[in-house]
Amino acid sequence: MPLPTIIGTGRLTADPELRFTSSGKAVASVPLAFNSRRLNKQTNEWEDGDVFFIRGSAWERLAENVAETFAKGMEVIVTGEIRTESWEKDGQKHERPSLLIRSIGPSLAFSVAQVSKDAASSGGQQQPAQGRGQAPQGQAHRSRPQQPPADDPWAVDAAKGYSDEPPF
């Protein structure tokens, strides 16, 4: 039987933490909060309902992209599988739900984002790693490649700043 899948909009309650396993795989810990906010029609004010806190984990390239892109307080749309983390501490067994993140992106409901391909996706060209920039609240910031790939149909004319022709 497959594990339950969650698709939802939540907020990061802290900056993602990037670590590496002993075998060199990247893993990012992403603390998330989902809440049921609703408009009270009598008072015409927003009220917060129940809150669900869960720690998400992203692996490998997704983990590195998450750590570079997101920061505490950002609203994200996330999909993943709910799992149970188990560990033992001081002779006692502990369990808690966790989320294996399959995809995550910024919510554009109250923010804007600038999207670019990461170094691993840009034709194998390695670019120096740059730490997470201090982007405005709710705005994902990524460094842009110097030149778009030659076969990019959405590339714009740098002199004009836009393209007159559709890419199809």
N, C-alpha and C. Protein backbone atom coordinates (compact mmCIF):
# COMPACT_ATOMS: atom_id res chain seq x y z
N MET A 1 0.85 -1.16 0.00
CA MET A 1 0.00 0.00 0.00
C MET A 1 0.90 1.24 0.00
N PRO A 2 0.63 2.21 -0.88
CA PRO A 2 1.47 3.41 -0.92
C PRO A 2 1.27 4.30 0.30
N LEU A 3 2.28 5.09 0.60
CA LEU A 3 2.20 6.03 1.70
C LEU A 3 1.29 7.19 1.34
N PRO A 4 0.66 7.83 2.33
CA PRO A 4 -0.20 8.98 2.03
C PRO A 4 0.61 10.13 1.44
N THR A 5 0.03 10.80 0.47
CA THR A 5 0.68 11.94 -0.17
C THR A 5 -0.02 13.22 0.27
N ILE A 6 0.77 14.25 0.49
CA ILE A 6 0.23 15.55 0.87
C ILE A 6 0.60 16.56 -0.21
N ILE A 7 -0.35 17.41 -0.53
CA ILE A 7 -0.12 18.55 -1.41
C ILE A 7 -0.72 19.74 -0.69
N GLY A 8 0.10 20.73 -0.40
CA GLY A 8 -0.45 21.85 0.35
C GLY A 8 0.43 23.08 0.33
N THR A 9 -0.12 24.14 0.88
CA THR A 9 0.59 25.40 1.00
C THR A 9 0.91 25.62 2.46
N GLY A 10 2.18 25.84 2.75
CA GLY A 10 2.62 26.03 4.12
C GLY A 10 3.69 27.09 4.20
N ARG A 11 4.19 27.31 5.41
CA ARG A 11 5.26 28.30 5.64
C ARG A 11 6.44 27.62 6.31
N LEU A 12 7.63 28.07 5.95
CA LEU A 12 8.82 27.59 6.62
C LEU A 12 8.90 28.26 7.99
N THR A 13 9.07 27.47 9.04
CA THR A 13 9.17 28.02 10.39
C THR A 13 10.61 28.32 10.79
N ALA A 14 11.56 27.92 9.94
CA ALA A 14 12.98 28.22 10.14
C ALA A 14 13.67 28.06 8.79
N ASP A 15 14.90 28.53 8.69
CA ASP A 15 15.67 28.33 7.47
C ASP A 15 15.92 26.83 7.28
N PRO A 16 15.95 26.35 6.03
CA PRO A 16 16.32 24.95 5.79
C PRO A 16 17.75 24.70 6.26
N GLU A 17 18.00 23.50 6.76
CA GLU A 17 19.34 23.12 7.21
C GLU A 17 19.88 22.07 6.25
N LEU A 18 21.00 22.36 5.61
CA LEU A 18 21.62 21.44 4.66
C LEU A 18 22.73 20.68 5.35
N ARG A 19 22.68 19.36 5.23
CA ARG A 19 23.71 18.48 5.78
C ARG A 19 24.09 17.48 4.69
N PHE A 20 25.14 16.72 4.94
CA PHE A 20 25.55 15.68 4.01
C PHE A 20 25.74 14.37 4.77
N THR A 21 25.25 13.29 4.18
CA THR A 21 25.41 11.97 4.81
C THR A 21 26.87 11.55 4.70
N SER A 22 27.23 10.47 5.38
CA SER A 22 28.61 9.98 5.32
C SER A 22 28.98 9.54 3.91
N SER A 23 27.98 9.19 3.09
CA SER A 23 28.26 8.80 1.70
C SER A 23 28.26 10.00 0.76
N GLY A 24 28.03 11.21 1.30
CA GLY A 24 28.11 12.42 0.49
C GLY A 24 26.80 12.91 -0.09
N LYS A 25 25.67 12.29 0.25
CA LYS A 25 24.38 12.75 -0.27
C LYS A 25 23.88 13.94 0.54
N ALA A 26 23.37 14.95 -0.18
CA ALA A 26 22.84 16.13 0.48
C ALA A 26 21.43 15.85 1.00
N VAL A 27 21.14 16.36 2.18
CA VAL A 27 19.79 16.26 2.75
C VAL A 27 19.48 17.59 3.44
N ALA A 28 18.31 18.13 3.12
CA ALA A 28 17.88 19.38 3.74
C ALA A 28 16.70 19.10 4.65
N SER A 29 16.76 19.65 5.84
CA SER A 29 15.66 19.57 6.78
C SER A 29 14.85 20.85 6.64
N VAL A 30 13.54 20.71 6.39
CA VAL A 30 12.68 21.85 6.11
C VAL A 30 11.51 21.84 7.09
N PRO A 31 11.53 22.69 8.13
CA PRO A 31 10.42 22.73 9.08
C PRO A 31 9.25 23.53 8.50
N LEU A 32 8.07 22.91 8.46
CA LEU A 32 6.90 23.52 7.83
C LEU A 32 5.73 23.62 8.79
N ALA A 33 4.87 24.61 8.55
CA ALA A 33 3.62 24.75 9.29
C ALA A 33 2.50 24.94 8.28
N PHE A 34 1.43 24.18 8.46
CA PHE A 34 0.22 24.32 7.64
C PHE A 34 -0.89 24.76 8.58
N ASN A 35 -1.66 25.78 8.19
CA ASN A 35 -2.75 26.18 9.06
C ASN A 35 -4.02 26.39 8.26
N SER A 36 -5.13 26.39 8.97
CA SER A 36 -6.44 26.56 8.35
C SER A 36 -6.96 27.94 8.69
N ARG A 37 -6.54 28.91 7.92
CA ARG A 37 -6.97 30.29 8.13
C ARG A 37 -8.29 30.50 7.39
N ARG A 38 -9.20 31.20 8.03
CA ARG A 38 -10.50 31.42 7.39
C ARG A 38 -11.04 32.80 7.76
N LEU A 39 -11.90 33.31 6.89
CA LEU A 39 -12.50 34.62 7.10
C LEU A 39 -13.77 34.46 7.92
N ASN A 40 -13.84 35.17 9.04
CA ASN A 40 -15.04 35.20 9.86
C ASN A 40 -15.98 36.23 9.24
N LYS A 41 -17.08 35.77 8.68
CA LYS A 41 -17.98 36.67 7.95
C LYS A 41 -18.70 37.66 8.88
N GLN A 42 -18.82 37.33 10.15
CA GLN A 42 -19.48 38.25 11.08
C GLN A 42 -18.59 39.43 11.42
N THR A 43 -17.29 39.17 11.66
CA THR A 43 -16.37 40.25 12.03
C THR A 43 -15.57 40.76 10.82
N ASN A 44 -15.64 40.03 9.73
CA ASN A 44 -14.90 40.34 8.51
C ASN A 44 -13.38 40.38 8.77
N GLU A 45 -12.91 39.50 9.67
CA GLU A 45 -11.50 39.39 9.98
C GLU A 45 -11.05 37.95 9.81
N TRP A 46 -9.76 37.80 9.51
CA TRP A 46 -9.18 36.47 9.36
C TRP A 46 -8.90 35.86 10.73
N GLU A 47 -9.18 34.56 10.85
CA GLU A 47 -8.92 33.83 12.09
C GLU A 47 -8.09 32.60 11.76
N ASP A 48 -7.10 32.36 12.61
CA ASP A 48 -6.28 31.17 12.43
C ASP A 48 -6.94 29.99 13.12
N GLY A 49 -6.98 28.87 12.42
CA GLY A 49 -7.53 27.65 12.98
C GLY A 49 -6.40 26.75 13.46
N ASP A 50 -6.60 25.46 13.33
CA ASP A 50 -5.60 24.49 13.75
C ASP A 50 -4.33 24.63 12.91
N VAL A 51 -3.19 24.30 13.52
CA VAL A 51 -1.90 24.34 12.84
C VAL A 51 -1.28 22.95 12.90
N PHE A 52 -0.74 22.51 11.78
CA PHE A 52 -0.05 21.22 11.69
C PHE A 52 1.42 21.50 11.39
N PHE A 53 2.30 21.13 12.32
CA PHE A 53 3.73 21.30 12.13
C PHE A 53 4.32 19.97 11.70
N ILE A 54 5.23 20.02 10.72
CA ILE A 54 5.89 18.80 10.27
C ILE A 54 7.28 19.16 9.75
N ARG A 55 8.21 18.26 9.95
CA ARG A 55 9.56 18.46 9.44
C ARG A 55 9.67 17.70 8.13
N GLY A 56 10.01 18.44 7.08
CA GLY A 56 10.20 17.83 5.76
C GLY A 56 11.66 17.56 5.50
N SER A 57 11.92 16.60 4.63
CA SER A 57 13.29 16.28 4.21
C SER A 57 13.33 16.25 2.69
N ALA A 58 14.33 16.91 2.14
CA ALA A 58 14.58 16.88 0.70
C ALA A 58 15.97 16.30 0.51
N TRP A 59 16.16 15.56 -0.57
CA TRP A 59 17.41 14.85 -0.79
C TRP A 59 18.09 15.29 -2.08
N GLU A 60 19.38 15.11 -2.09
CA GLU A 60 20.27 15.31 -3.23
C GLU A 60 20.14 16.71 -3.84
N ARG A 61 19.96 16.81 -5.14
CA ARG A 61 19.94 18.12 -5.79
C ARG A 61 18.79 18.99 -5.29
N LEU A 62 17.63 18.38 -5.05
CA LEU A 62 16.50 19.14 -4.51
C LEU A 62 16.88 19.76 -3.17
N ALA A 63 17.61 19.03 -2.33
CA ALA A 63 18.03 19.55 -1.03
C ALA A 63 18.92 20.78 -1.18
N GLU A 64 19.85 20.74 -2.10
CA GLU A 64 20.74 21.87 -2.31
C GLU A 64 19.97 23.08 -2.84
N ASN A 65 19.03 22.84 -3.76
CA ASN A 65 18.22 23.94 -4.29
C ASN A 65 17.34 24.55 -3.22
N VAL A 66 16.76 23.71 -2.36
CA VAL A 66 15.91 24.20 -1.27
C VAL A 66 16.71 25.09 -0.32
N ALA A 67 17.90 24.62 0.05
CA ALA A 67 18.73 25.38 0.99
C ALA A 67 19.17 26.72 0.40
N GLU A 68 19.38 26.76 -0.90
CA GLU A 68 19.81 28.00 -1.55
C GLU A 68 18.65 28.96 -1.79
N THR A 69 17.45 28.44 -1.93
CA THR A 69 16.31 29.25 -2.36
C THR A 69 15.45 29.78 -1.23
N PHE A 70 15.14 28.95 -0.24
CA PHE A 70 14.12 29.31 0.74
C PHE A 70 14.70 29.80 2.07
N ALA A 71 13.89 30.57 2.78
CA ALA A 71 14.27 31.08 4.10
C ALA A 71 13.03 31.08 4.99
N LYS A 72 13.26 31.22 6.27
CA LYS A 72 12.19 31.27 7.27
C LYS A 72 11.10 32.26 6.87
N GLY A 73 9.84 31.84 7.02
CA GLY A 73 8.71 32.72 6.77
C GLY A 73 8.15 32.64 5.36
N MET A 74 8.88 32.06 4.43
CA MET A 74 8.40 31.99 3.05
C MET A 74 7.24 31.00 2.93
N GLU A 75 6.27 31.37 2.10
CA GLU A 75 5.13 30.50 1.83
C GLU A 75 5.50 29.62 0.63
N VAL A 76 5.29 28.31 0.77
CA VAL A 76 5.66 27.36 -0.28
C VAL A 76 4.50 26.42 -0.59
N ILE A 77 4.54 25.88 -1.79
CA ILE A 77 3.63 24.82 -2.18
C ILE A 77 4.48 23.56 -2.25
N VAL A 78 4.06 22.55 -1.53
CA VAL A 78 4.89 21.36 -1.38
C VAL A 78 4.08 20.09 -1.62
N THR A 79 4.73 19.09 -2.20
CA THR A 79 4.14 17.76 -2.33
C THR A 79 5.14 16.76 -1.76
N GLY A 80 4.61 15.72 -1.18
CA GLY A 80 5.48 14.69 -0.63
C GLY A 80 4.70 13.59 0.04
N GLU A 81 5.43 12.65 0.59
CA GLU A 81 4.84 11.48 1.24
C GLU A 81 5.04 11.57 2.74
N ILE A 82 3.97 11.31 3.47
CA ILE A 82 4.04 11.32 4.93
C ILE A 82 4.62 9.99 5.39
N ARG A 83 5.61 10.08 6.26
CA ARG A 83 6.28 8.89 6.81
C ARG A 83 6.36 9.03 8.32
N THR A 84 6.81 7.99 8.98
CA THR A 84 7.03 8.03 10.42
C THR A 84 8.52 7.92 10.68
N GLU A 85 9.08 8.94 11.34
CA GLU A 85 10.47 8.89 11.78
C GLU A 85 10.51 8.20 13.14
N SER A 86 11.45 7.31 13.30
CA SER A 86 11.62 6.61 14.58
C SER A 86 13.06 6.73 15.03
N TRP A 87 13.27 6.95 16.33
CA TRP A 87 14.60 6.99 16.89
C TRP A 87 14.53 6.62 18.36
N GLU A 88 15.69 6.31 18.91
CA GLU A 88 15.77 5.96 20.32
C GLU A 88 16.72 6.93 21.00
N LYS A 89 16.29 7.46 22.15
CA LYS A 89 17.11 8.39 22.90
C LYS A 89 16.96 8.07 24.38
N ASP A 90 18.06 7.91 25.05
CA ASP A 90 18.08 7.58 26.48
C ASP A 90 17.23 6.35 26.80
N GLY A 91 17.28 5.37 25.90
CA GLY A 91 16.54 4.13 26.12
C GLY A 91 15.06 4.20 25.81
N GLN A 92 14.57 5.34 25.37
CA GLN A 92 13.15 5.47 25.02
C GLN A 92 12.99 5.61 23.52
N LYS A 93 11.96 4.95 23.01
CA LYS A 93 11.67 5.04 21.58
C LYS A 93 10.76 6.25 21.33
N HIS A 94 11.07 6.98 20.26
CA HIS A 94 10.28 8.15 19.88
C HIS A 94 9.86 8.02 18.42
N GLU A 95 8.71 8.59 18.11
CA GLU A 95 8.22 8.62 16.74
C GLU A 95 7.56 9.96 16.47
N ARG A 96 7.61 10.40 15.22
CA ARG A 96 6.89 11.60 14.80
C ARG A 96 6.67 11.51 13.29
N PRO A 97 5.63 12.19 12.82
CA PRO A 97 5.42 12.21 11.37
C PRO A 97 6.47 13.09 10.70
N SER A 98 6.84 12.74 9.49
CA SER A 98 7.76 13.55 8.70
C SER A 98 7.28 13.53 7.26
N LEU A 99 7.80 14.44 6.47
CA LEU A 99 7.38 14.58 5.09
C LEU A 99 8.59 14.39 4.18
N LEU A 100 8.55 13.40 3.31
CA LEU A 100 9.57 13.21 2.30
C LEU A 100 9.18 14.09 1.12
N ILE A 101 9.87 15.22 0.95
CA ILE A 101 9.49 16.21 -0.05
C ILE A 101 9.88 15.73 -1.44
N ARG A 102 8.91 15.70 -2.34
CA ARG A 102 9.15 15.33 -3.74
C ARG A 102 9.28 16.58 -4.61
N SER A 103 8.51 17.62 -4.30
CA SER A 103 8.64 18.90 -5.02
C SER A 103 8.22 20.03 -4.08
N ILE A 104 8.83 21.19 -4.31
CA ILE A 104 8.54 22.35 -3.48
C ILE A 104 8.84 23.59 -4.30
N GLY A 105 8.00 24.60 -4.15
CA GLY A 105 8.20 25.84 -4.88
C GLY A 105 7.58 26.99 -4.14
N PRO A 106 7.96 28.20 -4.50
CA PRO A 106 7.39 29.36 -3.82
C PRO A 106 5.93 29.55 -4.19
N SER A 107 5.12 29.98 -3.24
CA SER A 107 3.74 30.34 -3.52
C SER A 107 3.75 31.77 -4.04
N LEU A 108 3.06 32.00 -5.13
CA LEU A 108 3.04 33.33 -5.74
C LEU A 108 1.81 34.12 -5.36
N ALA A 109 1.09 33.67 -4.33
CA ALA A 109 -0.12 34.37 -3.90
C ALA A 109 0.19 35.78 -3.39
N PHE A 110 1.28 35.93 -2.65
CA PHE A 110 1.62 37.23 -2.07
C PHE A 110 3.09 37.58 -2.28
N SER A 111 3.73 36.96 -3.27
CA SER A 111 5.14 37.25 -3.53
C SER A 111 5.44 36.99 -4.99
N VAL A 112 6.64 37.34 -5.40
CA VAL A 112 7.11 37.06 -6.75
C VAL A 112 8.37 36.23 -6.64
N ALA A 113 8.70 35.50 -7.70
CA ALA A 113 9.89 34.68 -7.71
C ALA A 113 10.58 34.82 -9.05
N GLN A 114 11.88 34.70 -9.03
CA GLN A 114 12.67 34.69 -10.25
C GLN A 114 13.27 33.30 -10.35
N VAL A 115 12.95 32.58 -11.40
CA VAL A 115 13.35 31.18 -11.53
C VAL A 115 14.48 31.07 -12.54
N SER A 116 15.47 30.27 -12.22
CA SER A 116 16.55 29.98 -13.16
C SER A 116 16.99 28.54 -12.93
N LYS A 117 17.61 27.97 -13.95
CA LYS A 117 18.10 26.60 -13.83
C LYS A 117 19.30 26.59 -12.90
N ASP A 118 19.45 25.48 -12.16
CA ASP A 118 20.62 25.36 -11.30
C ASP A 118 21.82 24.95 -12.16
N ALA A 119 23.00 24.98 -11.58
CA ALA A 119 24.23 24.70 -12.32
C ALA A 119 24.22 23.30 -12.92
N ALA A 120 23.64 22.33 -12.21
CA ALA A 120 23.62 20.96 -12.71
C ALA A 120 22.70 20.81 -13.92
N SER A 121 21.71 21.69 -14.06
CA SER A 121 20.77 21.60 -15.17
C SER A 121 21.19 22.42 -16.38
N SER A 122 22.19 23.27 -16.23
CA SER A 122 22.55 24.17 -17.32
C SER A 122 23.66 23.60 -18.19
N GLY A 123 23.42 22.42 -18.72
CA GLY A 123 24.33 21.82 -19.69
C GLY A 123 25.66 21.38 -19.12
N GLY A 124 25.70 21.08 -17.82
CA GLY A 124 26.93 20.59 -17.23
C GLY A 124 27.94 21.67 -16.90
N GLN A 125 27.62 22.92 -17.18
CA GLN A 125 28.53 24.01 -16.85
C GLN A 125 28.48 24.25 -15.35
N GLN A 126 29.60 24.15 -14.70
CA GLN A 126 29.65 24.38 -13.27
C GLN A 126 29.85 25.86 -13.01
N GLN A 127 29.06 26.40 -12.13
CA GLN A 127 29.21 27.79 -11.72
C GLN A 127 29.58 27.78 -10.25
N PRO A 128 30.34 28.77 -9.81
CA PRO A 128 30.69 28.79 -8.39
C PRO A 128 29.46 28.88 -7.52
N ALA A 129 29.48 28.14 -6.44
CA ALA A 129 28.34 28.16 -5.52
C ALA A 129 28.28 29.50 -4.84
N GLN A 130 27.10 30.07 -4.79
CA GLN A 130 26.90 31.32 -4.07
C GLN A 130 25.90 31.05 -2.98
N GLY A 131 26.18 31.54 -1.78
CA GLY A 131 25.28 31.31 -0.65
C GLY A 131 23.93 31.94 -0.88
N ARG A 132 23.01 31.59 -0.04
CA ARG A 132 21.65 32.12 -0.17
C ARG A 132 21.71 33.63 -0.03
N GLY A 133 21.18 34.34 -0.99
CA GLY A 133 21.15 35.80 -0.96
C GLY A 133 20.08 36.28 0.00
N GLN A 134 20.17 37.48 0.39
CA GLN A 134 19.16 38.06 1.27
C GLN A 134 18.06 38.65 0.41
N ALA A 135 17.19 37.81 -0.08
CA ALA A 135 16.09 38.25 -0.92
C ALA A 135 15.00 38.86 -0.04
N PRO A 136 14.18 39.75 -0.61
CA PRO A 136 13.07 40.30 0.16
C PRO A 136 12.16 39.19 0.65
N GLN A 137 11.45 39.45 1.74
CA GLN A 137 10.55 38.46 2.33
C GLN A 137 9.60 37.90 1.28
N GLY A 138 9.53 36.57 1.20
CA GLY A 138 8.59 35.93 0.29
C GLY A 138 9.08 35.88 -1.14
N GLN A 139 10.31 36.28 -1.42
CA GLN A 139 10.79 36.25 -2.80
C GLN A 139 11.97 35.30 -2.88
N ALA A 140 11.85 34.28 -3.73
CA ALA A 140 12.94 33.36 -3.94
C ALA A 140 13.98 34.04 -4.82
N HIS A 141 15.25 33.89 -4.50
CA HIS A 141 16.29 34.54 -5.28
C HIS A 141 17.31 33.50 -5.68
N ARG A 142 17.63 33.42 -6.93
CA ARG A 142 18.63 32.50 -7.44
C ARG A 142 19.54 33.27 -8.37
N SER A 143 20.80 32.90 -8.41
CA SER A 143 21.69 33.56 -9.37
C SER A 143 21.34 33.08 -10.77
N ARG A 144 21.41 33.98 -11.73
CA ARG A 144 21.04 33.67 -13.10
C ARG A 144 22.27 33.23 -13.86
N PRO A 145 22.13 32.29 -14.79
CA PRO A 145 23.25 31.94 -15.66
C PRO A 145 23.66 33.17 -16.48
N GLN A 146 24.92 33.26 -16.85
CA GLN A 146 25.40 34.40 -17.63
C GLN A 146 24.69 34.49 -18.97
N GLN A 147 24.59 33.40 -19.70
CA GLN A 147 23.93 33.38 -21.00
C GLN A 147 22.92 32.24 -21.02
N PRO A 148 21.75 32.44 -21.63
CA PRO A 148 20.81 31.33 -21.74
C PRO A 148 21.36 30.30 -22.72
N PRO A 149 20.96 29.04 -22.59
CA PRO A 149 21.41 28.03 -23.54
C PRO A 149 21.02 28.44 -24.96
N ALA A 150 21.84 28.07 -25.93
CA ALA A 150 21.61 28.46 -27.33
C ALA A 150 20.28 27.94 -27.86
N ASP A 151 19.82 26.81 -27.34
CA ASP A 151 18.57 26.22 -27.83
C ASP A 151 17.36 26.62 -26.99
N ASP A 152 17.48 27.65 -26.14
CA ASP A 152 16.38 28.08 -25.28
C ASP A 152 15.37 28.88 -26.09
N PRO A 153 14.15 28.32 -26.30
CA PRO A 153 13.17 29.03 -27.13
C PRO A 153 12.58 30.26 -26.43
N TRP A 154 12.74 30.39 -25.12
CA TRP A 154 12.18 31.52 -24.40
C TRP A 154 13.22 32.61 -24.14
N ALA A 155 14.42 32.45 -24.70
CA ALA A 155 15.46 33.44 -24.49
C ALA A 155 15.02 34.80 -25.03
N VAL A 156 15.45 35.86 -24.36
CA VAL A 156 15.08 37.21 -24.77
C VAL A 156 16.28 37.91 -25.37
N ASP A 157 16.02 38.90 -26.20
CA ASP A 157 17.06 39.74 -26.78
C ASP A 157 17.57 40.66 -25.69
N ALA A 158 18.84 40.51 -25.32
CA ALA A 158 19.41 41.30 -24.23
C ALA A 158 19.37 42.79 -24.51
N ALA A 159 19.50 43.18 -25.79
CA ALA A 159 19.49 44.61 -26.12
C ALA A 159 18.11 45.21 -25.92
N LYS A 160 17.04 44.47 -26.29
CA LYS A 160 15.68 44.99 -26.16
C LYS A 160 15.05 44.63 -24.82
N GLY A 161 15.53 43.55 -24.21
CA GLY A 161 14.96 43.12 -22.94
C GLY A 161 13.71 42.25 -23.09
N TYR A 162 13.32 41.99 -24.31
CA TYR A 162 12.17 41.13 -24.55
C TYR A 162 12.27 40.57 -25.96
N SER A 163 11.40 39.66 -26.28
CA SER A 163 11.39 39.07 -27.62
C SER A 163 10.07 39.41 -28.30
N ASP A 164 10.14 39.82 -29.56
CA ASP A 164 8.95 40.11 -30.33
C ASP A 164 8.28 38.85 -30.87
N GLU A 165 9.03 37.78 -30.92
CA GLU A 165 8.54 36.55 -31.54
C GLU A 165 8.21 35.51 -30.48
N PRO A 166 7.07 34.81 -30.66
CA PRO A 166 6.79 33.69 -29.77
C PRO A 166 7.74 32.54 -30.07
N PRO A 167 8.02 31.67 -29.10
CA PRO A 167 9.00 30.61 -29.29
C PRO A 167 8.46 29.39 -30.03
N PHE A 168 7.31 29.51 -30.68
CA PHE A 168 6.74 28.38 -31.40
C PHE A 168 6.37 28.75 -32.80
